[in-house]
C-alpha atoms as a PDB file:
ATOM      1  CA  MET A   1     -90.517  89.380 -70.884  1.00  0.00           C
ATOM      2  CA  ASN A   2     -87.611  86.853 -71.201  1.00  0.00           C
ATOM      3  CA  ILE A   3     -86.212  84.005 -68.755  1.00  0.00           C
ATOM      4  CA  LEU A   4     -83.300  85.597 -67.411  1.00  0.00           C
ATOM      5  CA  GLN A   5     -85.133  88.573 -66.688  1.00  0.00           C
ATOM      6  CA  LEU A   6     -87.285  86.989 -64.732  1.00  0.00           C
ATOM      7  CA  LEU A   7     -84.432  84.849 -63.321  1.00  0.00           C
ATOM      8  CA  ASN A   8     -82.735  87.997 -62.490  1.00  0.00           C
ATOM      9  CA  GLN A   9     -85.982  89.570 -60.725  1.00  0.00           C
ATOM     10  CA  SER A  10     -87.272  86.417 -58.637  1.00  0.00           C
ATOM     11  CA  ASP A  11     -86.219  85.546 -54.975  1.00  0.00           C
ATOM     12  CA  TYR A  12     -87.280  82.015 -55.452  1.00  0.00           C
ATOM     13  CA  ILE A  13     -87.706  79.180 -57.758  1.00  0.00           C
ATOM     14  CA  GLN A  14     -91.017  76.370 -57.601  1.00  0.00           C
ATOM     15  CA  ILE A  15     -89.509  73.340 -59.113  1.00  0.00           C
ATOM     16  CA  ASN A  16     -92.798  71.070 -59.917  1.00  0.00           C
ATOM     17  CA  ASN A  17     -94.454  71.120 -56.186  1.00  0.00           C
ATOM     18  CA  GLN A  18     -91.224  72.226 -54.284  1.00  0.00           C
ATOM     19  CA  LEU A  19     -90.328  75.345 -53.239  1.00  0.00           C
ATOM     20  CA  ILE A  20     -86.666  76.473 -52.795  1.00  0.00           C
ATOM     21  CA  LYS A  21     -84.188  79.569 -52.498  1.00  0.00           C
ATOM     22  CA  PRO A  22     -81.366  79.033 -54.931  1.00  0.00           C
ATOM     23  CA  GLU A  23     -77.846  79.270 -53.685  1.00  0.00           C
ATOM     24  CA  TYR A  24     -76.701  81.399 -57.101  1.00  0.00           C
ATOM     25  CA  MET A  25     -79.658  82.815 -58.933  1.00  0.00           C
ATOM     26  CA  PHE A  26     -78.340  85.110 -61.716  1.00  0.00           C
ATOM     27  CA  ALA A  27     -77.081  85.106 -65.097  1.00  0.00           C
ATOM     28  CA  SER A  28     -76.309  88.116 -67.710  1.00  0.00           C
ATOM     29  CA  GLU A  29     -79.101  89.268 -70.186  1.00  0.00           C
ATOM     30  CA  ASP A  30     -76.942  91.257 -72.309  1.00  0.00           C
ATOM     31  CA  TYR A  31     -73.814  88.766 -72.075  1.00  0.00           C
ATOM     32  CA  ALA A  32     -74.762  85.854 -71.401  1.00  0.00           C
ATOM     33  CA  GLU A  33     -73.130  82.446 -72.902  1.00  0.00           C
ATOM     34  CA  ASP A  34     -75.125  79.609 -73.340  1.00  0.00           C
ATOM     35  CA  ASP A  35     -72.205  77.201 -70.802  1.00  0.00           C
ATOM     36  CA  ASP A  36     -72.658  79.738 -67.936  1.00  0.00           C
ATOM     37  CA  VAL A  37     -74.145  78.374 -64.991  1.00  0.00           C
ATOM     38  CA  ALA A  38     -77.440  80.419 -64.141  1.00  0.00           C
ATOM     39  CA  VAL A  39     -78.748  78.380 -61.196  1.00  0.00           C
ATOM     40  CA  GLU A  40     -77.454  76.435 -58.555  1.00  0.00           C
ATOM     41  CA  ALA A  41     -79.791  74.588 -55.944  1.00  0.00           C
ATOM     42  CA  GLN A  42     -80.190  72.131 -54.074  1.00  0.00           C
ATOM     43  CA  LEU A  43     -83.183  69.727 -54.473  1.00  0.00           C
ATOM     44  CA  ASP A  44     -84.207  66.431 -52.737  1.00  0.00           C
ATOM     45  CA  GLY A  45     -80.649  66.507 -51.752  1.00  0.00           C
ATOM     46  CA  ALA A  46     -78.964  66.785 -55.013  1.00  0.00           C
ATOM     47  CA  GLU A  47     -77.517  70.211 -56.921  1.00  0.00           C
ATOM     48  CA  LEU A  48     -79.297  71.177 -59.478  1.00  0.00           C
ATOM     49  CA  VAL A  49     -77.160  73.194 -62.116  1.00  0.00           C
ATOM     50  CA  LEU A  50     -79.008  74.919 -64.601  1.00  0.00           C
ATOM     51  CA  THR A  51     -77.265  76.804 -67.853  1.00  0.00           C
ATOM     52  CA  VAL A  52     -78.150  79.562 -69.331  1.00  0.00           C
ATOM     53  CA  ALA A  53     -78.910  77.048 -72.541  1.00  0.00           C
ATOM     54  CA  ASP A  54     -81.494  74.947 -69.993  1.00  0.00           C
ATOM     55  CA  LEU A  55     -83.119  77.956 -69.895  1.00  0.00           C
ATOM     56  CA  GLU A  56     -83.243  79.145 -73.830  1.00  0.00           C
ATOM     57  CA  ASP A  57     -84.738  76.179 -74.441  1.00  0.00           C
ATOM     58  CA  ALA A  58     -87.331  76.163 -71.795  1.00  0.00           C
ATOM     59  CA  THR A  59     -91.175  75.906 -73.281  1.00  0.00           C
ATOM     60  CA  PRO A  60     -92.974  78.522 -71.855  1.00  0.00           C
ATOM     61  CA  LEU A  61     -96.935  77.792 -71.004  1.00  0.00           C
ATOM     62  CA  ALA A  62     -99.582  79.510 -70.742  1.00  0.00           C
ATOM     63  CA  ASP A  63     -99.968  80.125 -66.665  1.00  0.00           C
ATOM     64  CA  GLY A  64     -96.295  82.023 -67.265  1.00  0.00           C
ATOM     65  CA  ALA A  65     -94.568  78.751 -65.729  1.00  0.00           C
ATOM     66  CA  TYR A  66     -91.653  76.725 -68.075  1.00  0.00           C
ATOM     67  CA  TRP A  67     -91.276  73.455 -68.646  1.00  0.00           C
ATOM     68  CA  LEU A  68     -88.067  72.078 -68.756  1.00  0.00           C
ATOM     69  CA  GLU A  69     -87.627  68.626 -69.769  1.00  0.00           C
ATOM     70  CA  SER A  70     -85.057  67.758 -67.067  1.00  0.00           C
ATOM     71  CA  VAL A  71     -86.197  69.028 -64.877  1.00  0.00           C
ATOM     72  CA  GLY A  72     -89.715  69.604 -65.161  1.00  0.00           C
ATOM     73  CA  TYR A  73     -92.038  72.369 -63.953  1.00  0.00           C
ATOM     74  CA  LEU A  74     -90.631  75.552 -63.676  1.00  0.00           C
ATOM     75  CA  ARG A  75     -91.895  78.709 -62.160  1.00  0.00           C
ATOM     76  CA  PHE A  76     -90.037  82.071 -60.994  1.00  0.00           C
ATOM     77  CA  LEU A  77     -91.257  83.953 -58.028  1.00  0.00           C
ATOM     78  CA  THR A  78     -90.506  87.335 -55.762  1.00  0.00           C
ATOM     79  CA  ARG A  79     -91.339  87.761 -52.200  1.00  0.00           C
ATOM     80  CA  GLN A  80     -94.174  89.903 -52.695  1.00  0.00           C
ATOM     81  CA  ALA A  81     -95.824  87.068 -54.951  1.00  0.00           C
ATOM     82  CA  LEU A  82     -95.589  84.509 -51.845  1.00  0.00           C
ATOM     83  CA  HIS A  83     -97.642  87.180 -49.500  1.00  0.00           C
END
């Protein structure tokens, strides 16, 4: 499954040890441009903005998460996964 599909199916994002509910989270899987904003959220009081290019540059990890050099550990979660 590609990272944009995971993004669009998730409700929350785990970034390092924090669980956040993004203010905006979507990227077209068919027509996404590299500079399209895919995620907007508040993280430690600062605004986090990730583009499609940022996500597509992420390195997949064995546990299903991703590593982003600019952010760190990134995992997409659904409400069901939290229960």
